[in-house]
Amino acid sequence: MDKTALFFQCLSFTSSVHRVTHELTQPAKPASITQVQYDMLMHIAVNQPVTVSELSDCQHMSLPNTSRELRKLSEKSLIEKVSDEEDKRRQHIRLSNEGQALMNEVLMHMQAGFQERLRQTSEEDVEEISRALGMLQTKMFY
């Protein structure tokens, strides 16, 4: 296959992933947090623990803005900072118990929407989707 065509196919796929992610997550977003805070919490939930710089890079935010939003999440008792054992200056961010409970609710809502999308999908197609996602994860999104 032509790699240029593959690039545009991948571009279309990632655009669709963002659209579907938005459709699944927006109804689940709590009103008590901003979209930026929600995106940060989702990233932490999936990748915890994370460092401030990792979060800043992944969210395309400056370090000062990231720190400000983390402070707000901390004030809402949704995250906690833990000092690195080897380098006390370095902090790891993870969800607090309250943050974990909130994100568990969000993920349950998202999973229900996901299950609804797959409601009429055959078991063979579900297995094929799983294999395709596994391949994408190992070959493209590592």
N, C-alpha and C. Protein backbone atom coordinates (compact mmCIF):
# COMPACT_ATOMS: atom_id res chain seq x y z
N MET A 1 0.85 -1.18 0.00
CA MET A 1 0.00 0.00 0.00
C MET A 1 0.89 1.24 0.00
N ASP A 2 0.42 2.23 -0.68
CA ASP A 2 1.10 3.52 -0.74
C ASP A 2 1.09 4.15 0.65
N LYS A 3 2.27 4.54 1.15
CA LYS A 3 2.37 5.09 2.52
C LYS A 3 1.69 6.45 2.64
N THR A 4 1.59 7.19 1.55
CA THR A 4 0.87 8.45 1.60
C THR A 4 -0.62 8.19 1.82
N ALA A 5 -1.16 7.21 1.12
CA ALA A 5 -2.57 6.84 1.30
C ALA A 5 -2.80 6.33 2.72
N LEU A 6 -1.84 5.56 3.24
CA LEU A 6 -1.94 5.05 4.61
C LEU A 6 -1.94 6.21 5.60
N PHE A 7 -1.09 7.22 5.34
CA PHE A 7 -1.07 8.40 6.21
C PHE A 7 -2.44 9.05 6.28
N PHE A 8 -3.08 9.27 5.12
CA PHE A 8 -4.38 9.92 5.12
C PHE A 8 -5.46 9.03 5.72
N GLN A 9 -5.32 7.73 5.57
CA GLN A 9 -6.25 6.80 6.22
C GLN A 9 -6.08 6.90 7.74
N CYS A 10 -4.85 6.97 8.21
CA CYS A 10 -4.56 7.12 9.64
C CYS A 10 -5.08 8.46 10.15
N LEU A 11 -4.90 9.51 9.39
CA LEU A 11 -5.39 10.83 9.76
C LEU A 11 -6.91 10.81 9.92
N SER A 12 -7.59 10.19 8.98
CA SER A 12 -9.05 10.07 9.05
C SER A 12 -9.46 9.25 10.27
N PHE A 13 -8.74 8.17 10.52
CA PHE A 13 -9.03 7.31 11.67
C PHE A 13 -8.88 8.08 12.98
N THR A 14 -7.76 8.80 13.15
CA THR A 14 -7.55 9.52 14.40
C THR A 14 -8.58 10.63 14.58
N SER A 15 -9.00 11.25 13.50
CA SER A 15 -10.05 12.25 13.58
C SER A 15 -11.35 11.61 14.06
N SER A 16 -11.66 10.43 13.55
CA SER A 16 -12.86 9.70 13.98
C SER A 16 -12.75 9.30 15.44
N VAL A 17 -11.56 8.91 15.87
CA VAL A 17 -11.35 8.54 17.27
C VAL A 17 -11.65 9.74 18.17
N HIS A 18 -11.17 10.92 17.79
CA HIS A 18 -11.44 12.11 18.59
C HIS A 18 -12.93 12.43 18.64
N ARG A 19 -13.61 12.28 17.52
CA ARG A 19 -15.05 12.56 17.47
C ARG A 19 -15.81 11.60 18.37
N VAL A 20 -15.53 10.31 18.25
CA VAL A 20 -16.23 9.31 19.05
C VAL A 20 -15.89 9.47 20.53
N THR A 21 -14.63 9.77 20.82
CA THR A 21 -14.23 10.01 22.22
C THR A 21 -15.03 11.17 22.78
N HIS A 22 -15.17 12.23 22.01
CA HIS A 22 -15.96 13.38 22.44
C HIS A 22 -17.42 12.97 22.68
N GLU A 23 -17.99 12.20 21.78
CA GLU A 23 -19.38 11.75 21.93
C GLU A 23 -19.57 10.89 23.17
N LEU A 24 -18.57 10.08 23.49
CA LEU A 24 -18.68 9.20 24.66
C LEU A 24 -18.40 9.94 25.97
N THR A 25 -17.53 10.94 25.92
CA THR A 25 -17.12 11.58 27.17
C THR A 25 -17.96 12.78 27.55
N GLN A 26 -18.46 13.54 26.60
CA GLN A 26 -19.17 14.77 26.94
C GLN A 26 -20.36 14.55 27.86
N PRO A 27 -21.21 13.57 27.61
CA PRO A 27 -22.34 13.39 28.54
C PRO A 27 -21.89 12.95 29.93
N ALA A 28 -20.68 12.43 30.04
CA ALA A 28 -20.19 11.92 31.32
C ALA A 28 -19.43 12.98 32.12
N LYS A 29 -19.10 14.11 31.51
CA LYS A 29 -18.29 15.13 32.18
C LYS A 29 -19.08 15.80 33.29
N PRO A 30 -18.55 15.75 34.53
CA PRO A 30 -19.23 16.42 35.63
C PRO A 30 -19.23 17.94 35.43
N ALA A 31 -20.31 18.59 35.80
CA ALA A 31 -20.43 20.04 35.64
C ALA A 31 -19.51 20.79 36.58
N SER A 32 -19.02 20.13 37.61
CA SER A 32 -18.22 20.81 38.64
C SER A 32 -16.77 21.06 38.22
N ILE A 33 -16.38 20.55 37.06
CA ILE A 33 -15.00 20.75 36.60
C ILE A 33 -15.01 21.27 35.17
N THR A 34 -13.94 21.97 34.82
CA THR A 34 -13.82 22.52 33.47
C THR A 34 -13.40 21.41 32.50
N GLN A 35 -13.51 21.71 31.22
CA GLN A 35 -13.08 20.74 30.20
C GLN A 35 -11.59 20.43 30.34
N VAL A 36 -10.78 21.44 30.61
CA VAL A 36 -9.34 21.24 30.78
C VAL A 36 -9.08 20.31 31.96
N GLN A 37 -9.76 20.55 33.08
CA GLN A 37 -9.60 19.71 34.26
C GLN A 37 -10.07 18.28 33.97
N TYR A 38 -11.15 18.16 33.24
CA TYR A 38 -11.67 16.85 32.87
C TYR A 38 -10.65 16.08 32.02
N ASP A 39 -10.08 16.76 31.04
CA ASP A 39 -9.07 16.12 30.19
C ASP A 39 -7.86 15.68 31.01
N MET A 40 -7.47 16.52 31.95
CA MET A 40 -6.34 16.17 32.81
C MET A 40 -6.67 14.95 33.67
N LEU A 41 -7.86 14.96 34.26
CA LEU A 41 -8.26 13.82 35.10
C LEU A 41 -8.32 12.53 34.29
N MET A 42 -8.81 12.62 33.06
CA MET A 42 -8.89 11.43 32.22
C MET A 42 -7.49 10.91 31.92
N HIS A 43 -6.58 11.81 31.61
CA HIS A 43 -5.20 11.40 31.34
C HIS A 43 -4.57 10.77 32.58
N ILE A 44 -4.77 11.37 33.72
CA ILE A 44 -4.23 10.81 34.96
C ILE A 44 -4.84 9.44 35.24
N ALA A 45 -6.14 9.32 35.07
CA ALA A 45 -6.83 8.05 35.34
C ALA A 45 -6.26 6.91 34.50
N VAL A 46 -5.95 7.19 33.26
CA VAL A 46 -5.48 6.15 32.35
C VAL A 46 -3.99 5.88 32.52
N ASN A 47 -3.22 6.88 32.95
CA ASN A 47 -1.75 6.76 32.95
C ASN A 47 -1.10 6.90 34.33
N GLN A 48 -1.87 6.97 35.38
CA GLN A 48 -1.28 7.29 36.69
C GLN A 48 -0.28 6.26 37.18
N PRO A 49 0.69 6.75 37.92
CA PRO A 49 0.96 8.15 38.25
C PRO A 49 1.67 8.84 37.09
N VAL A 50 1.50 10.15 36.99
CA VAL A 50 2.15 10.96 35.96
C VAL A 50 2.91 12.09 36.64
N THR A 51 3.87 12.62 35.92
CA THR A 51 4.57 13.81 36.43
C THR A 51 3.89 15.04 35.84
N VAL A 52 4.18 16.17 36.44
CA VAL A 52 3.62 17.43 35.96
C VAL A 52 4.08 17.68 34.53
N SER A 53 5.35 17.43 34.24
CA SER A 53 5.86 17.68 32.89
C SER A 53 5.23 16.74 31.87
N GLU A 54 5.01 15.48 32.23
CA GLU A 54 4.33 14.55 31.31
C GLU A 54 2.92 15.04 31.00
N LEU A 55 2.23 15.46 32.04
CA LEU A 55 0.86 15.96 31.87
C LEU A 55 0.86 17.23 31.02
N SER A 56 1.79 18.11 31.28
CA SER A 56 1.92 19.34 30.51
C SER A 56 2.13 19.04 29.03
N ASP A 57 3.05 18.12 28.73
CA ASP A 57 3.32 17.75 27.34
C ASP A 57 2.10 17.14 26.67
N CYS A 58 1.46 16.20 27.34
CA CYS A 58 0.33 15.50 26.73
C CYS A 58 -0.90 16.38 26.56
N GLN A 59 -1.06 17.36 27.44
CA GLN A 59 -2.21 18.25 27.35
C GLN A 59 -1.92 19.51 26.54
N HIS A 60 -0.67 19.64 26.04
CA HIS A 60 -0.27 20.80 25.25
C HIS A 60 -0.50 22.10 26.03
N MET A 61 -0.04 22.08 27.28
CA MET A 61 -0.19 23.23 28.16
C MET A 61 1.18 23.63 28.69
N SER A 62 1.31 24.89 29.04
CA SER A 62 2.55 25.34 29.67
C SER A 62 2.61 24.75 31.09
N LEU A 63 3.82 24.66 31.61
CA LEU A 63 3.97 24.16 32.98
C LEU A 63 3.23 25.03 33.99
N PRO A 64 3.30 26.37 33.90
CA PRO A 64 2.54 27.17 34.87
C PRO A 64 1.02 26.93 34.80
N ASN A 65 0.48 26.81 33.59
CA ASN A 65 -0.96 26.54 33.46
C ASN A 65 -1.31 25.16 33.99
N THR A 66 -0.46 24.19 33.72
CA THR A 66 -0.69 22.84 34.22
C THR A 66 -0.68 22.84 35.75
N SER A 67 0.30 23.51 36.32
CA SER A 67 0.40 23.59 37.79
C SER A 67 -0.83 24.27 38.39
N ARG A 68 -1.29 25.33 37.74
CA ARG A 68 -2.48 26.04 38.23
C ARG A 68 -3.71 25.12 38.23
N GLU A 69 -3.91 24.40 37.14
CA GLU A 69 -5.07 23.51 37.06
C GLU A 69 -4.94 22.34 38.04
N LEU A 70 -3.72 21.85 38.23
CA LEU A 70 -3.51 20.78 39.22
C LEU A 70 -3.81 21.29 40.63
N ARG A 71 -3.46 22.53 40.91
CA ARG A 71 -3.77 23.11 42.22
C ARG A 71 -5.29 23.14 42.43
N LYS A 72 -6.02 23.52 41.40
CA LYS A 72 -7.49 23.56 41.49
C LYS A 72 -8.06 22.16 41.71
N LEU A 73 -7.50 21.17 41.01
CA LEU A 73 -7.96 19.79 41.20
C LEU A 73 -7.63 19.29 42.59
N SER A 74 -6.49 19.70 43.11
CA SER A 74 -6.10 19.34 44.46
C SER A 74 -7.03 19.98 45.48
N GLU A 75 -7.39 21.24 45.26
CA GLU A 75 -8.33 21.94 46.15
C GLU A 75 -9.70 21.27 46.15
N LYS A 76 -10.05 20.63 45.04
CA LYS A 76 -11.32 19.89 44.94
C LYS A 76 -11.17 18.46 45.45
N SER A 77 -9.98 18.13 45.95
CA SER A 77 -9.66 16.80 46.50
C SER A 77 -9.79 15.69 45.47
N LEU A 78 -9.48 15.99 44.21
CA LEU A 78 -9.60 14.99 43.15
C LEU A 78 -8.26 14.35 42.79
N ILE A 79 -7.16 15.00 43.18
CA ILE A 79 -5.83 14.43 42.92
C ILE A 79 -4.99 14.55 44.17
N GLU A 80 -3.89 13.82 44.15
CA GLU A 80 -2.89 13.97 45.21
C GLU A 80 -1.52 13.89 44.57
N LYS A 81 -0.60 14.60 45.21
CA LYS A 81 0.79 14.62 44.74
C LYS A 81 1.62 13.79 45.70
N VAL A 82 2.49 12.97 45.11
CA VAL A 82 3.35 12.10 45.91
C VAL A 82 4.78 12.37 45.47
N SER A 83 5.66 12.62 46.42
CA SER A 83 7.07 12.85 46.10
C SER A 83 7.73 11.56 45.65
N ASP A 84 8.60 11.70 44.66
CA ASP A 84 9.38 10.56 44.16
C ASP A 84 10.32 10.09 45.26
N GLU A 85 10.43 8.78 45.41
CA GLU A 85 11.29 8.22 46.45
C GLU A 85 12.76 8.59 46.24
N GLU A 86 13.20 8.60 44.99
CA GLU A 86 14.61 8.84 44.69
C GLU A 86 14.94 10.32 44.52
N ASP A 87 14.00 11.10 44.04
CA ASP A 87 14.22 12.52 43.82
C ASP A 87 13.05 13.28 44.44
N LYS A 88 13.20 13.76 45.63
CA LYS A 88 12.11 14.40 46.38
C LYS A 88 11.58 15.66 45.69
N ARG A 89 12.35 16.25 44.77
CA ARG A 89 11.88 17.43 44.05
C ARG A 89 10.84 17.05 43.00
N ARG A 90 10.86 15.81 42.58
CA ARG A 90 9.95 15.34 41.52
C ARG A 90 8.67 14.81 42.17
N GLN A 91 7.53 15.24 41.62
CA GLN A 91 6.25 14.79 42.16
C GLN A 91 5.48 13.99 41.14
N HIS A 92 4.80 12.98 41.63
CA HIS A 92 3.91 12.17 40.81
C HIS A 92 2.48 12.53 41.18
N ILE A 93 1.65 12.61 40.17
CA ILE A 93 0.25 12.96 40.35
C ILE A 93 -0.58 11.70 40.15
N ARG A 94 -1.51 11.49 41.06
CA ARG A 94 -2.46 10.38 40.91
C ARG A 94 -3.82 10.84 41.43
N LEU A 95 -4.83 10.07 41.11
CA LEU A 95 -6.17 10.40 41.58
C LEU A 95 -6.27 10.12 43.07
N SER A 96 -6.96 10.98 43.77
CA SER A 96 -7.29 10.71 45.17
C SER A 96 -8.44 9.70 45.19
N ASN A 97 -8.85 9.28 46.34
CA ASN A 97 -10.01 8.38 46.42
C ASN A 97 -11.24 9.02 45.80
N GLU A 98 -11.44 10.33 46.08
CA GLU A 98 -12.58 11.04 45.51
C GLU A 98 -12.46 11.15 43.99
N GLY A 99 -11.25 11.43 43.52
CA GLY A 99 -11.01 11.51 42.09
C GLY A 99 -11.21 10.17 41.41
N GLN A 100 -10.77 9.10 42.05
CA GLN A 100 -10.96 7.76 41.49
C GLN A 100 -12.44 7.42 41.41
N ALA A 101 -13.19 7.77 42.46
CA ALA A 101 -14.63 7.51 42.45
C ALA A 101 -15.31 8.28 41.33
N LEU A 102 -14.93 9.55 41.16
CA LEU A 102 -15.49 10.37 40.08
C LEU A 102 -15.19 9.76 38.72
N MET A 103 -13.93 9.39 38.51
CA MET A 103 -13.55 8.84 37.21
C MET A 103 -14.15 7.45 36.99
N ASN A 104 -14.37 6.69 38.03
CA ASN A 104 -15.05 5.40 37.87
C ASN A 104 -16.47 5.61 37.35
N GLU A 105 -17.15 6.64 37.87
CA GLU A 105 -18.50 6.95 37.36
C GLU A 105 -18.44 7.37 35.89
N VAL A 106 -17.48 8.22 35.56
CA VAL A 106 -17.31 8.67 34.18
C VAL A 106 -17.05 7.48 33.27
N LEU A 107 -16.14 6.61 33.67
CA LEU A 107 -15.79 5.46 32.83
C LEU A 107 -16.96 4.49 32.69
N MET A 108 -17.77 4.34 33.73
CA MET A 108 -18.95 3.48 33.62
C MET A 108 -19.93 4.06 32.60
N HIS A 109 -20.10 5.37 32.62
CA HIS A 109 -20.99 6.03 31.66
C HIS A 109 -20.44 5.86 30.24
N MET A 110 -19.13 6.05 30.09
CA MET A 110 -18.51 5.89 28.78
C MET A 110 -18.63 4.45 28.29
N GLN A 111 -18.44 3.50 29.20
CA GLN A 111 -18.53 2.10 28.82
C GLN A 111 -19.94 1.75 28.36
N ALA A 112 -20.96 2.33 28.99
CA ALA A 112 -22.33 2.08 28.56
C ALA A 112 -22.54 2.58 27.13
N GLY A 113 -22.01 3.77 26.83
CA GLY A 113 -22.11 4.28 25.46
C GLY A 113 -21.35 3.43 24.47
N PHE A 114 -20.19 2.95 24.90
CA PHE A 114 -19.38 2.06 24.06
C PHE A 114 -20.14 0.76 23.79
N GLN A 115 -20.71 0.19 24.84
CA GLN A 115 -21.48 -1.06 24.68
C GLN A 115 -22.66 -0.86 23.73
N GLU A 116 -23.29 0.31 23.83
CA GLU A 116 -24.41 0.61 22.94
C GLU A 116 -23.96 0.64 21.48
N ARG A 117 -22.77 1.21 21.23
CA ARG A 117 -22.23 1.24 19.87
C ARG A 117 -21.99 -0.17 19.33
N LEU A 118 -21.65 -1.09 20.23
CA LEU A 118 -21.34 -2.47 19.81
C LEU A 118 -22.54 -3.41 19.91
N ARG A 119 -23.69 -2.88 20.29
CA ARG A 119 -24.87 -3.72 20.55
C ARG A 119 -25.19 -4.67 19.40
N GLN A 120 -25.11 -4.22 18.18
CA GLN A 120 -25.48 -5.05 17.04
C GLN A 120 -24.28 -5.65 16.31
N THR A 121 -23.12 -5.59 16.97
CA THR A 121 -21.89 -6.10 16.36
C THR A 121 -21.73 -7.58 16.71
N SER A 122 -21.39 -8.38 15.71
CA SER A 122 -21.23 -9.82 15.95
C SER A 122 -20.00 -10.09 16.82
N GLU A 123 -19.98 -11.24 17.46
CA GLU A 123 -18.85 -11.63 18.30
C GLU A 123 -17.57 -11.72 17.46
N GLU A 124 -17.70 -12.20 16.22
CA GLU A 124 -16.53 -12.29 15.34
C GLU A 124 -15.98 -10.89 15.04
N ASP A 125 -16.88 -9.92 14.79
CA ASP A 125 -16.43 -8.56 14.53
C ASP A 125 -15.79 -7.93 15.77
N VAL A 126 -16.34 -8.23 16.94
CA VAL A 126 -15.76 -7.72 18.18
C VAL A 126 -14.34 -8.26 18.35
N GLU A 127 -14.14 -9.53 18.07
CA GLU A 127 -12.80 -10.12 18.15
C GLU A 127 -11.86 -9.49 17.12
N GLU A 128 -12.37 -9.23 15.92
CA GLU A 128 -11.55 -8.59 14.88
C GLU A 128 -11.18 -7.16 15.29
N ILE A 129 -12.13 -6.44 15.87
CA ILE A 129 -11.84 -5.09 16.35
C ILE A 129 -10.77 -5.14 17.43
N SER A 130 -10.88 -6.10 18.33
CA SER A 130 -9.89 -6.25 19.40
C SER A 130 -8.50 -6.51 18.83
N ARG A 131 -8.42 -7.40 17.86
CA ARG A 131 -7.12 -7.69 17.23
C ARG A 131 -6.57 -6.44 16.53
N ALA A 132 -7.44 -5.72 15.83
CA ALA A 132 -7.01 -4.51 15.12
C ALA A 132 -6.51 -3.46 16.10
N LEU A 133 -7.21 -3.26 17.20
CA LEU A 133 -6.78 -2.30 18.21
C LEU A 133 -5.44 -2.72 18.82
N GLY A 134 -5.27 -4.00 19.07
CA GLY A 134 -4.00 -4.50 19.59
C GLY A 134 -2.86 -4.22 18.62
N MET A 135 -3.12 -4.44 17.35
CA MET A 135 -2.09 -4.19 16.34
C MET A 135 -1.78 -2.70 16.25
N LEU A 136 -2.80 -1.87 16.24
CA LEU A 136 -2.57 -0.42 16.20
C LEU A 136 -1.75 0.02 17.42
N GLN A 137 -2.08 -0.53 18.58
CA GLN A 137 -1.37 -0.14 19.80
C GLN A 137 0.10 -0.51 19.73
N THR A 138 0.40 -1.69 19.21
CA THR A 138 1.80 -2.13 19.18
C THR A 138 2.57 -1.58 17.99
N LYS A 139 1.92 -1.34 16.86
CA LYS A 139 2.62 -0.92 15.65
C LYS A 139 2.64 0.59 15.42
N MET A 140 1.59 1.29 15.91
CA MET A 140 1.48 2.71 15.61
C MET A 140 1.52 3.61 16.84
N PHE A 141 0.84 3.21 17.90
CA PHE A 141 0.63 4.10 19.05
C PHE A 141 1.37 3.63 20.28
N TYR A 142 2.59 3.18 20.10
CA TYR A 142 3.40 2.69 21.21
C TYR A 142 4.01 3.79 22.00
